[in-house]
Amino acid sequence: MNQPSEDLPSRALRFAAPLLVAVLVLAAWQVLVTAYHVPAYLVPSPLVVLQTLVADRGLLFDSLRVTLTIALTALLISVVVGALVALLFVRSRWIEMSLFPYAVILQVTPIVAIAPLIIIWVKDIQVALVLCAVVVAIFPIISNTTLGLRSVDTGLLDLFRMCRASRWQVMWRLRVPSALPYFFGGLRIASGLALIGAVVAEFVAGTGGQGAGLAYQILLAGIQLNIPRLFAALLLITLAGVALFGATVWVSRLALSRWHESEIAPGR
């Protein structure tokens, strides 16, 4: 008989502990700001930030939609292109040795240095912002997937060769399933990086109007000393990043929980 994967108190503690820390921090923040009469244009209280978020919800949520559209588009492109590049690297060591160093160079070059060039070269500003986010997000997909495709069990690889499996069969029936945990690990990292890349690109571009993202609202709020709106925009970006990470964790568990030990709970 299977044992329960996790008892109810442990599961409740997993969610209650960080929630309690957040409540304590927010309560201390509210008490200190109120007790020392800190003006809202320096540090707004959590209550003021929440009131601003409600009052400016139309503007802020429209900007959030723009930023998330850029980040999700960049993440999708990074997944498709990064996975294809990783498959190409595994198929040919020469291609990997020739191109992988340039992927590393692209990763370690600050996006704030590349973004102005991309924005100048690409006429469509939305396409330029997506490209900037792709530059930031694609490397974890390439590196993790390549590592996973190469990290196959040698015994299973020998078995496939003994059975005279073709390279296509070895790739799709052995290497790809073995690489999935690595791929999803890279996806978790890339989801946050895509959002960071979108925000940084918006900062560099400084685009306003109806198509403005949250980064522009942060810039504008800082110029206008509307610090409560700045904090509200930061809160939305943070919550969006947490939601993206949670979604990738859920997809990873959905794909791996039935067969891979990394997602199988103890006692199952």
Protein backbone atom coordinates (compact mmCIF):
# COMPACT_ATOMS: atom_id res chain seq x y z
CA MET A 1 0.00 0.00 0.00
CA ASN A 2 1.41 3.41 -0.98
CA GLN A 3 2.16 5.88 1.79
CA PRO A 4 0.94 9.45 1.45
CA SER A 5 3.50 11.56 -0.37
CA GLU A 6 3.44 14.32 2.22
CA ASP A 7 1.43 14.72 5.40
CA LEU A 8 -0.94 17.63 5.80
CA PRO A 9 1.04 19.51 8.51
CA SER A 10 4.21 19.48 6.39
CA ARG A 11 2.34 20.68 3.34
CA ALA A 12 0.64 23.44 5.34
CA LEU A 13 3.97 24.49 6.86
CA ARG A 14 5.53 24.81 3.41
CA PHE A 15 3.03 27.55 2.55
CA ALA A 16 2.45 28.99 6.01
CA ALA A 17 6.11 29.64 6.88
CA PRO A 18 6.93 32.04 4.01
CA LEU A 19 3.48 33.62 4.32
CA LEU A 20 4.12 34.29 8.01
CA VAL A 21 7.48 35.90 7.20
CA ALA A 22 5.81 38.16 4.63
CA VAL A 23 3.10 39.18 7.08
CA LEU A 24 5.67 39.99 9.77
CA VAL A 25 7.79 42.05 7.38
CA LEU A 26 4.79 44.00 6.09
CA ALA A 27 3.51 44.58 9.61
CA ALA A 28 6.91 45.85 10.75
CA TRP A 29 7.13 48.07 7.67
CA GLN A 30 3.69 49.55 8.35
CA VAL A 31 4.43 50.13 12.05
CA LEU A 32 7.81 51.78 11.46
CA VAL A 33 6.58 54.06 8.68
CA THR A 34 3.58 55.12 10.77
CA ALA A 35 5.53 55.53 14.02
CA TYR A 36 8.29 57.68 12.50
CA HIS A 37 5.92 59.60 10.19
CA VAL A 38 7.93 58.76 7.08
CA PRO A 39 6.50 60.72 4.12
CA ALA A 40 5.02 58.70 1.27
CA TYR A 41 7.36 60.29 -1.27
CA LEU A 42 10.27 58.60 0.53
CA VAL A 43 8.91 55.24 1.69
CA PRO A 44 5.17 54.62 1.40
CA SER A 45 3.49 52.23 3.79
CA PRO A 46 2.14 48.90 2.51
CA LEU A 47 -1.39 50.24 2.96
CA VAL A 48 -0.63 53.28 0.76
CA VAL A 49 0.95 51.01 -1.88
CA LEU A 50 -2.15 48.83 -1.87
CA GLN A 51 -4.43 51.87 -2.16
CA THR A 52 -2.34 53.16 -5.08
CA LEU A 53 -2.49 49.77 -6.77
CA VAL A 54 -6.28 49.81 -6.54
CA ALA A 55 -6.59 53.43 -7.63
CA ASP A 56 -4.21 53.07 -10.61
CA ARG A 57 -5.16 49.52 -11.49
CA GLY A 58 -6.22 50.38 -15.03
CA LEU A 59 -2.91 52.01 -15.93
CA LEU A 60 -0.72 49.52 -14.08
CA PHE A 61 -2.44 46.35 -15.27
CA ASP A 62 -2.40 47.55 -18.89
CA SER A 63 1.34 48.14 -18.54
CA LEU A 64 1.73 44.73 -16.90
CA ARG A 65 0.01 43.14 -19.89
CA VAL A 66 2.50 44.81 -22.24
CA THR A 67 5.51 43.66 -20.21
CA LEU A 68 4.19 40.12 -19.81
CA THR A 69 3.47 39.88 -23.55
CA ILE A 70 7.09 40.76 -24.30
CA ALA A 71 8.42 38.38 -21.64
CA LEU A 72 6.24 35.42 -22.65
CA THR A 73 6.99 35.91 -26.35
CA ALA A 74 10.70 36.01 -25.58
CA LEU A 75 10.41 32.92 -23.38
CA LEU A 76 8.62 30.99 -26.13
CA ILE A 77 11.23 31.96 -28.71
CA SER A 78 14.03 31.08 -26.27
CA VAL A 79 12.54 27.64 -25.64
CA VAL A 80 12.11 26.79 -29.32
CA VAL A 81 15.41 28.22 -30.56
CA GLY A 82 17.38 27.11 -27.49
CA ALA A 83 16.13 23.53 -27.71
CA LEU A 84 16.88 23.36 -31.45
CA VAL A 85 20.39 24.75 -30.89
CA ALA A 86 20.99 22.18 -28.13
CA LEU A 87 19.89 19.36 -30.43
CA LEU A 88 22.25 20.70 -33.09
CA PHE A 89 25.12 20.83 -30.59
CA VAL A 90 24.57 17.21 -29.59
CA ARG A 91 24.42 16.09 -33.21
CA SER A 92 27.80 17.67 -33.99
CA ARG A 93 30.69 18.26 -31.60
CA TRP A 94 32.32 20.54 -34.18
CA ILE A 95 29.29 22.82 -34.27
CA GLU A 96 29.16 22.90 -30.47
CA MET A 97 32.86 23.75 -30.13
CA SER A 98 32.50 26.43 -32.79
CA LEU A 99 29.35 28.17 -31.56
CA PHE A 100 28.98 27.50 -27.83
CA PRO A 101 31.70 30.04 -26.83
CA TYR A 102 29.71 32.74 -28.64
CA ALA A 103 26.61 31.78 -26.68
CA VAL A 104 28.64 32.24 -23.50
CA ILE A 105 29.92 35.61 -24.71
CA LEU A 106 26.37 36.69 -25.47
CA GLN A 107 25.28 35.64 -22.00
CA VAL A 108 28.02 37.43 -20.07
CA THR A 109 27.71 40.67 -22.06
CA PRO A 110 25.42 43.06 -20.11
CA ILE A 111 22.07 43.50 -21.79
CA VAL A 112 22.20 47.25 -21.05
CA ALA A 113 25.15 47.41 -23.44
CA ILE A 114 23.44 45.41 -26.20
CA ALA A 115 19.91 46.79 -25.91
CA PRO A 116 20.62 50.27 -27.37
CA LEU A 117 22.16 48.69 -30.48
CA ILE A 118 19.23 46.32 -30.97
CA ILE A 119 16.75 49.16 -30.50
CA ILE A 120 18.64 51.28 -33.08
CA TRP A 121 18.98 48.46 -35.62
CA VAL A 122 15.43 47.09 -35.36
CA LYS A 123 12.77 49.54 -36.50
CA ASP A 124 9.83 47.88 -34.71
CA ILE A 125 10.26 48.72 -31.03
CA GLN A 126 8.21 45.73 -29.83
CA VAL A 127 10.35 43.33 -31.86
CA ALA A 128 13.47 44.99 -30.48
CA LEU A 129 12.25 44.56 -26.90
CA VAL A 130 11.47 40.89 -27.51
CA LEU A 131 14.94 40.34 -29.01
CA CYS A 132 16.56 41.94 -25.96
CA ALA A 133 14.63 39.61 -23.67
CA VAL A 134 15.55 36.61 -25.82
CA VAL A 135 19.26 37.46 -25.52
CA VAL A 136 18.91 37.31 -21.73
CA ALA A 137 16.71 34.21 -21.51
CA ILE A 138 18.04 31.82 -24.15
CA PHE A 139 21.34 30.74 -22.60
CA PRO A 140 19.92 28.64 -19.71
CA ILE A 141 17.81 26.71 -22.22
CA ILE A 142 20.80 26.03 -24.47
CA SER A 143 23.25 25.10 -21.71
CA ASN A 144 20.89 22.99 -19.58
CA THR A 145 19.35 21.14 -22.52
CA THR A 146 22.75 20.42 -24.05
CA LEU A 147 23.97 19.09 -20.71
CA GLY A 148 20.87 16.93 -20.35
CA LEU A 149 21.14 15.50 -23.86
CA ARG A 150 24.72 14.44 -23.12
CA SER A 151 24.02 13.15 -19.59
CA VAL A 152 22.53 9.81 -20.58
CA ASP A 153 23.09 6.55 -18.75
CA THR A 154 26.00 4.78 -20.45
CA GLY A 155 24.42 1.39 -19.78
CA LEU A 156 21.23 2.39 -21.55
CA LEU A 157 23.24 3.90 -24.38
CA ASP A 158 25.13 0.61 -24.82
CA LEU A 159 21.82 -1.27 -24.75
CA PHE A 160 20.42 0.91 -27.52
CA ARG A 161 23.55 0.29 -29.58
CA MET A 162 23.35 -3.47 -28.99
CA CYS A 163 19.78 -3.35 -30.27
CA ARG A 164 21.05 -1.49 -33.33
CA ALA A 165 18.93 1.58 -32.66
CA SER A 166 19.32 4.38 -35.16
CA ARG A 167 20.66 7.78 -34.17
CA TRP A 168 17.13 9.11 -34.48
CA GLN A 169 15.82 6.47 -32.06
CA VAL A 170 18.66 7.11 -29.60
CA MET A 171 17.92 10.80 -29.73
CA TRP A 172 14.14 10.74 -29.24
CA ARG A 173 13.77 7.63 -27.08
CA LEU A 174 16.81 8.03 -24.83
CA ARG A 175 18.47 11.43 -24.97
CA VAL A 176 15.38 13.63 -25.06
CA PRO A 177 13.61 11.93 -22.10
CA SER A 178 16.88 12.02 -20.13
CA ALA A 179 17.26 15.74 -20.87
CA LEU A 180 13.77 16.78 -19.76
CA PRO A 181 14.68 17.44 -16.08
CA TYR A 182 17.62 19.58 -17.21
CA PHE A 183 15.42 21.38 -19.73
CA PHE A 184 12.80 22.23 -17.13
CA GLY A 185 15.53 23.42 -14.78
CA GLY A 186 16.69 25.80 -17.49
CA LEU A 187 13.09 26.82 -18.14
CA ARG A 188 12.64 27.90 -14.52
CA ILE A 189 15.69 30.14 -14.79
CA ALA A 190 14.75 31.45 -18.23
CA SER A 191 11.23 32.44 -17.13
CA GLY A 192 12.63 34.95 -14.65
CA LEU A 193 15.35 36.12 -17.01
CA ALA A 194 12.82 36.77 -19.78
CA LEU A 195 10.90 39.09 -17.46
CA ILE A 196 14.13 40.81 -16.36
CA GLY A 197 15.20 41.21 -19.98
CA ALA A 198 11.84 42.72 -20.91
CA VAL A 199 11.99 45.22 -18.05
CA VAL A 200 15.62 46.21 -18.75
CA ALA A 201 14.87 46.64 -22.45
CA GLU A 202 11.89 48.86 -21.61
CA PHE A 203 14.12 50.94 -19.35
CA VAL A 204 16.62 51.43 -22.15
CA ALA A 205 13.99 52.13 -24.80
CA GLY A 206 11.97 54.46 -22.56
CA THR A 207 8.87 53.97 -24.70
CA GLY A 208 5.71 55.69 -23.50
CA GLY A 209 2.14 56.04 -24.65
CA GLN A 210 -0.47 53.31 -24.75
CA GLY A 211 2.14 50.63 -25.42
CA ALA A 212 4.20 51.45 -22.34
CA GLY A 213 5.22 48.66 -20.02
CA LEU A 214 5.75 48.64 -16.29
CA ALA A 215 9.36 49.78 -16.61
CA TYR A 216 8.22 53.03 -18.20
CA GLN A 217 5.69 53.52 -15.40
CA ILE A 218 8.51 53.06 -12.87
CA LEU A 219 10.65 55.62 -14.69
CA LEU A 220 7.78 58.09 -14.94
CA ALA A 221 6.79 57.59 -11.30
CA GLY A 222 10.38 58.20 -10.22
CA ILE A 223 10.58 61.43 -12.21
CA GLN A 224 7.27 62.61 -10.79
CA LEU A 225 8.22 61.47 -7.26
CA ASN A 226 5.09 59.32 -7.27
CA ILE A 227 6.79 56.72 -5.08
CA PRO A 228 3.60 54.84 -4.11
CA ARG A 229 2.94 54.11 -7.79
CA LEU A 230 6.58 53.10 -8.21
CA PHE A 231 6.24 50.60 -5.37
CA ALA A 232 2.94 49.34 -6.80
CA ALA A 233 4.59 48.72 -10.18
CA LEU A 234 7.48 46.93 -8.50
CA LEU A 235 4.98 44.77 -6.62
CA LEU A 236 3.28 43.78 -9.86
CA ILE A 237 6.61 42.88 -11.50
CA THR A 238 7.56 40.77 -8.49
CA LEU A 239 4.21 38.97 -8.44
CA ALA A 240 4.46 38.37 -12.19
CA GLY A 241 7.92 36.82 -11.75
CA VAL A 242 6.68 34.57 -8.96
CA ALA A 243 3.71 33.53 -11.10
CA LEU A 244 5.97 32.68 -14.05
CA PHE A 245 8.26 30.63 -11.84
CA GLY A 246 5.29 28.84 -10.27
CA ALA A 247 3.89 28.04 -13.71
CA THR A 248 7.16 26.49 -14.86
CA VAL A 249 7.36 24.44 -11.64
CA TRP A 250 3.81 23.19 -12.23
CA VAL A 251 4.57 22.26 -15.85
CA SER A 252 7.74 20.45 -14.73
CA ARG A 253 5.85 18.41 -12.15
CA LEU A 254 3.09 17.66 -14.62
CA ALA A 255 5.61 16.31 -17.13
CA LEU A 256 7.94 14.45 -14.75
CA SER A 257 5.97 13.45 -11.65
CA ARG A 258 4.94 10.03 -12.99
CA TRP A 259 8.34 8.73 -13.98
CA HIS A 260 11.35 10.82 -12.91
CA GLU A 261 12.81 10.65 -9.41
CA SER A 262 13.37 14.42 -9.26
CA GLU A 263 9.60 15.00 -9.04
CA ILE A 264 8.43 11.77 -7.38
CA ALA A 265 7.60 12.46 -3.76
CA PRO A 266 9.15 10.17 -1.12
CA GLY A 267 6.97 7.24 -0.17
CA ARG A 268 5.19 6.93 -3.48
